[in-house]
Amino acid sequence: MELSSLIRMGKQISANIPESQKKAEKIASHLKNFWTPKMRKEFIDYLQKNKNEFEQELVDAVNLLNK
């Protein structure tokens, strides 16, 4: 899958999960359950180098996946 599609999808997931104290956990769960390891790796690698392009909850979700 193209990186631009993964970026768009990641932002859409984040935008569609309601604000809550557990938003980052819900995003991380979605990425873990529905994205392949290759998709996650490509997205995570890009996000870690370009954090300023993403909302904080998505960055926090990626940090949770890397634990």
N, C-alpha and C. Protein backbone atom coordinates (compact mmCIF):
# COMPACT_ATOMS: atom_id res chain seq x y z
N MET A 1 0.85 -1.17 0.00
CA MET A 1 0.00 0.00 0.00
C MET A 1 0.89 1.23 0.00
N GLU A 2 0.46 2.26 -0.70
CA GLU A 2 1.25 3.49 -0.77
C GLU A 2 1.27 4.21 0.57
N LEU A 3 2.41 4.79 0.87
CA LEU A 3 2.57 5.52 2.13
C LEU A 3 1.55 6.64 2.25
N SER A 4 1.26 7.34 1.17
CA SER A 4 0.28 8.44 1.22
C SER A 4 -1.10 7.92 1.65
N SER A 5 -1.44 6.71 1.25
CA SER A 5 -2.72 6.11 1.66
C SER A 5 -2.71 5.78 3.14
N LEU A 6 -1.59 5.27 3.63
CA LEU A 6 -1.49 4.95 5.06
C LEU A 6 -1.59 6.22 5.90
N ILE A 7 -0.96 7.28 5.46
CA ILE A 7 -1.02 8.56 6.18
C ILE A 7 -2.46 9.06 6.23
N ARG A 8 -3.12 9.02 5.08
CA ARG A 8 -4.52 9.47 5.01
C ARG A 8 -5.40 8.61 5.92
N MET A 9 -5.22 7.29 5.86
CA MET A 9 -6.02 6.39 6.68
C MET A 9 -5.76 6.61 8.18
N GLY A 10 -4.51 6.78 8.55
CA GLY A 10 -4.18 7.02 9.95
C GLY A 10 -4.85 8.28 10.47
N LYS A 11 -4.83 9.33 9.67
CA LYS A 11 -5.48 10.58 10.07
C LYS A 11 -6.99 10.42 10.14
N GLN A 12 -7.57 9.64 9.24
CA GLN A 12 -9.02 9.41 9.26
C GLN A 12 -9.42 8.61 10.49
N ILE A 13 -8.64 7.61 10.83
CA ILE A 13 -8.95 6.83 12.03
C ILE A 13 -8.95 7.74 13.24
N SER A 14 -7.93 8.55 13.36
CA SER A 14 -7.82 9.47 14.48
C SER A 14 -8.99 10.46 14.52
N ALA A 15 -9.37 10.96 13.36
CA ALA A 15 -10.47 11.93 13.29
C ALA A 15 -11.82 11.31 13.63
N ASN A 16 -11.97 10.01 13.38
CA ASN A 16 -13.27 9.37 13.56
C ASN A 16 -13.46 8.70 14.91
N ILE A 17 -12.44 8.67 15.72
CA ILE A 17 -12.58 8.14 17.07
C ILE A 17 -12.92 9.31 17.99
N PRO A 18 -14.02 9.19 18.71
CA PRO A 18 -14.45 10.31 19.56
C PRO A 18 -13.41 10.67 20.62
N GLU A 19 -13.38 11.94 20.95
CA GLU A 19 -12.47 12.42 22.00
C GLU A 19 -12.80 11.72 23.31
N SER A 20 -11.78 11.21 23.95
CA SER A 20 -11.94 10.60 25.26
C SER A 20 -10.55 10.46 25.88
N GLN A 21 -10.52 10.06 27.13
CA GLN A 21 -9.24 9.87 27.80
C GLN A 21 -8.48 8.69 27.21
N LYS A 22 -9.18 7.81 26.52
CA LYS A 22 -8.55 6.61 25.97
C LYS A 22 -8.46 6.63 24.45
N LYS A 23 -8.48 7.81 23.85
CA LYS A 23 -8.45 7.90 22.39
C LYS A 23 -7.18 7.26 21.83
N ALA A 24 -6.04 7.54 22.39
CA ALA A 24 -4.78 6.96 21.88
C ALA A 24 -4.81 5.44 21.96
N GLU A 25 -5.35 4.90 23.05
CA GLU A 25 -5.44 3.45 23.20
C GLU A 25 -6.36 2.85 22.13
N LYS A 26 -7.46 3.54 21.83
CA LYS A 26 -8.40 3.05 20.82
C LYS A 26 -7.78 3.09 19.42
N ILE A 27 -7.03 4.14 19.14
CA ILE A 27 -6.34 4.23 17.84
C ILE A 27 -5.32 3.10 17.74
N ALA A 28 -4.52 2.92 18.78
CA ALA A 28 -3.50 1.86 18.77
C ALA A 28 -4.14 0.49 18.58
N SER A 29 -5.25 0.26 19.24
CA SER A 29 -5.95 -1.01 19.11
C SER A 29 -6.42 -1.23 17.68
N HIS A 30 -6.96 -0.19 17.07
CA HIS A 30 -7.42 -0.30 15.68
C HIS A 30 -6.25 -0.63 14.76
N LEU A 31 -5.15 0.08 14.90
CA LEU A 31 -3.99 -0.16 14.05
C LEU A 31 -3.46 -1.58 14.25
N LYS A 32 -3.45 -2.05 15.48
CA LYS A 32 -2.94 -3.39 15.76
C LYS A 32 -3.88 -4.47 15.21
N ASN A 33 -5.18 -4.25 15.32
CA ASN A 33 -6.15 -5.27 14.92
C ASN A 33 -6.44 -5.31 13.43
N PHE A 34 -6.32 -4.18 12.74
CA PHE A 34 -6.78 -4.12 11.36
C PHE A 34 -5.69 -3.81 10.33
N TRP A 35 -4.52 -3.43 10.77
CA TRP A 35 -3.43 -3.14 9.84
C TRP A 35 -2.43 -4.28 9.91
N THR A 36 -1.84 -4.59 8.77
CA THR A 36 -0.80 -5.61 8.75
C THR A 36 0.47 -5.06 9.40
N PRO A 37 1.35 -5.95 9.84
CA PRO A 37 2.61 -5.46 10.42
C PRO A 37 3.38 -4.55 9.46
N LYS A 38 3.37 -4.87 8.16
CA LYS A 38 4.08 -4.04 7.19
C LYS A 38 3.46 -2.64 7.11
N MET A 39 2.13 -2.56 7.12
CA MET A 39 1.46 -1.26 7.08
C MET A 39 1.83 -0.44 8.31
N ARG A 40 1.77 -1.09 9.48
CA ARG A 40 2.11 -0.39 10.72
C ARG A 40 3.55 0.12 10.69
N LYS A 41 4.48 -0.72 10.25
CA LYS A 41 5.89 -0.32 10.24
C LYS A 41 6.11 0.88 9.33
N GLU A 42 5.57 0.84 8.13
CA GLU A 42 5.74 1.96 7.20
C GLU A 42 5.16 3.25 7.78
N PHE A 43 3.96 3.15 8.35
CA PHE A 43 3.30 4.31 8.92
C PHE A 43 4.07 4.84 10.13
N ILE A 44 4.46 3.94 11.01
CA ILE A 44 5.18 4.34 12.23
C ILE A 44 6.51 4.99 11.88
N ASP A 45 7.23 4.41 10.94
CA ASP A 45 8.51 5.00 10.53
C ASP A 45 8.33 6.42 10.03
N TYR A 46 7.29 6.64 9.23
CA TYR A 46 7.04 7.98 8.70
C TYR A 46 6.60 8.93 9.82
N LEU A 47 5.67 8.48 10.64
CA LEU A 47 5.15 9.35 11.71
C LEU A 47 6.26 9.77 12.66
N GLN A 48 7.15 8.87 13.00
CA GLN A 48 8.21 9.21 13.95
C GLN A 48 9.14 10.29 13.41
N LYS A 49 9.26 10.38 12.10
CA LYS A 49 10.11 11.40 11.50
C LYS A 49 9.36 12.69 11.19
N ASN A 50 8.03 12.64 11.26
CA ASN A 50 7.19 13.77 10.85
C ASN A 50 6.05 14.00 11.84
N LYS A 51 6.34 13.94 13.12
CA LYS A 51 5.31 14.03 14.15
C LYS A 51 4.46 15.30 14.06
N ASN A 52 5.05 16.36 13.58
CA ASN A 52 4.31 17.63 13.53
C ASN A 52 3.15 17.61 12.54
N GLU A 53 3.07 16.60 11.68
CA GLU A 53 1.97 16.49 10.73
C GLU A 53 0.72 15.84 11.33
N PHE A 54 0.84 15.31 12.53
CA PHE A 54 -0.23 14.49 13.10
C PHE A 54 -0.71 15.05 14.43
N GLU A 55 -1.98 14.75 14.75
CA GLU A 55 -2.48 15.18 16.05
C GLU A 55 -1.84 14.33 17.14
N GLN A 56 -1.77 14.89 18.33
CA GLN A 56 -1.03 14.27 19.42
C GLN A 56 -1.54 12.87 19.77
N GLU A 57 -2.84 12.64 19.70
CA GLU A 57 -3.38 11.33 20.06
C GLU A 57 -2.86 10.23 19.12
N LEU A 58 -2.65 10.58 17.86
CA LEU A 58 -2.12 9.60 16.92
C LEU A 58 -0.65 9.32 17.22
N VAL A 59 0.10 10.33 17.57
CA VAL A 59 1.50 10.15 17.98
C VAL A 59 1.55 9.29 19.25
N ASP A 60 0.66 9.57 20.20
CA ASP A 60 0.61 8.79 21.43
C ASP A 60 0.26 7.34 21.14
N ALA A 61 -0.65 7.11 20.19
CA ALA A 61 -1.04 5.75 19.82
C ALA A 61 0.15 4.98 19.27
N VAL A 62 0.93 5.61 18.44
CA VAL A 62 2.11 4.96 17.87
C VAL A 62 3.11 4.66 18.98
N ASN A 63 3.26 5.56 19.94
CA ASN A 63 4.15 5.30 21.06
C ASN A 63 3.69 4.09 21.86
N LEU A 64 2.37 3.91 21.99
CA LEU A 64 1.84 2.75 22.69
C LEU A 64 2.16 1.46 21.93
N LEU A 65 2.09 1.51 20.61
CA LEU A 65 2.40 0.32 19.80
C LEU A 65 3.85 -0.07 19.91
N ASN A 66 4.72 0.88 20.17
CA ASN A 66 6.15 0.60 20.23
C ASN A 66 6.61 0.14 21.61
N LYS A 67 5.71 0.04 22.56
CA LYS A 67 6.10 -0.42 23.91
C LYS A 67 6.26 -1.91 23.94
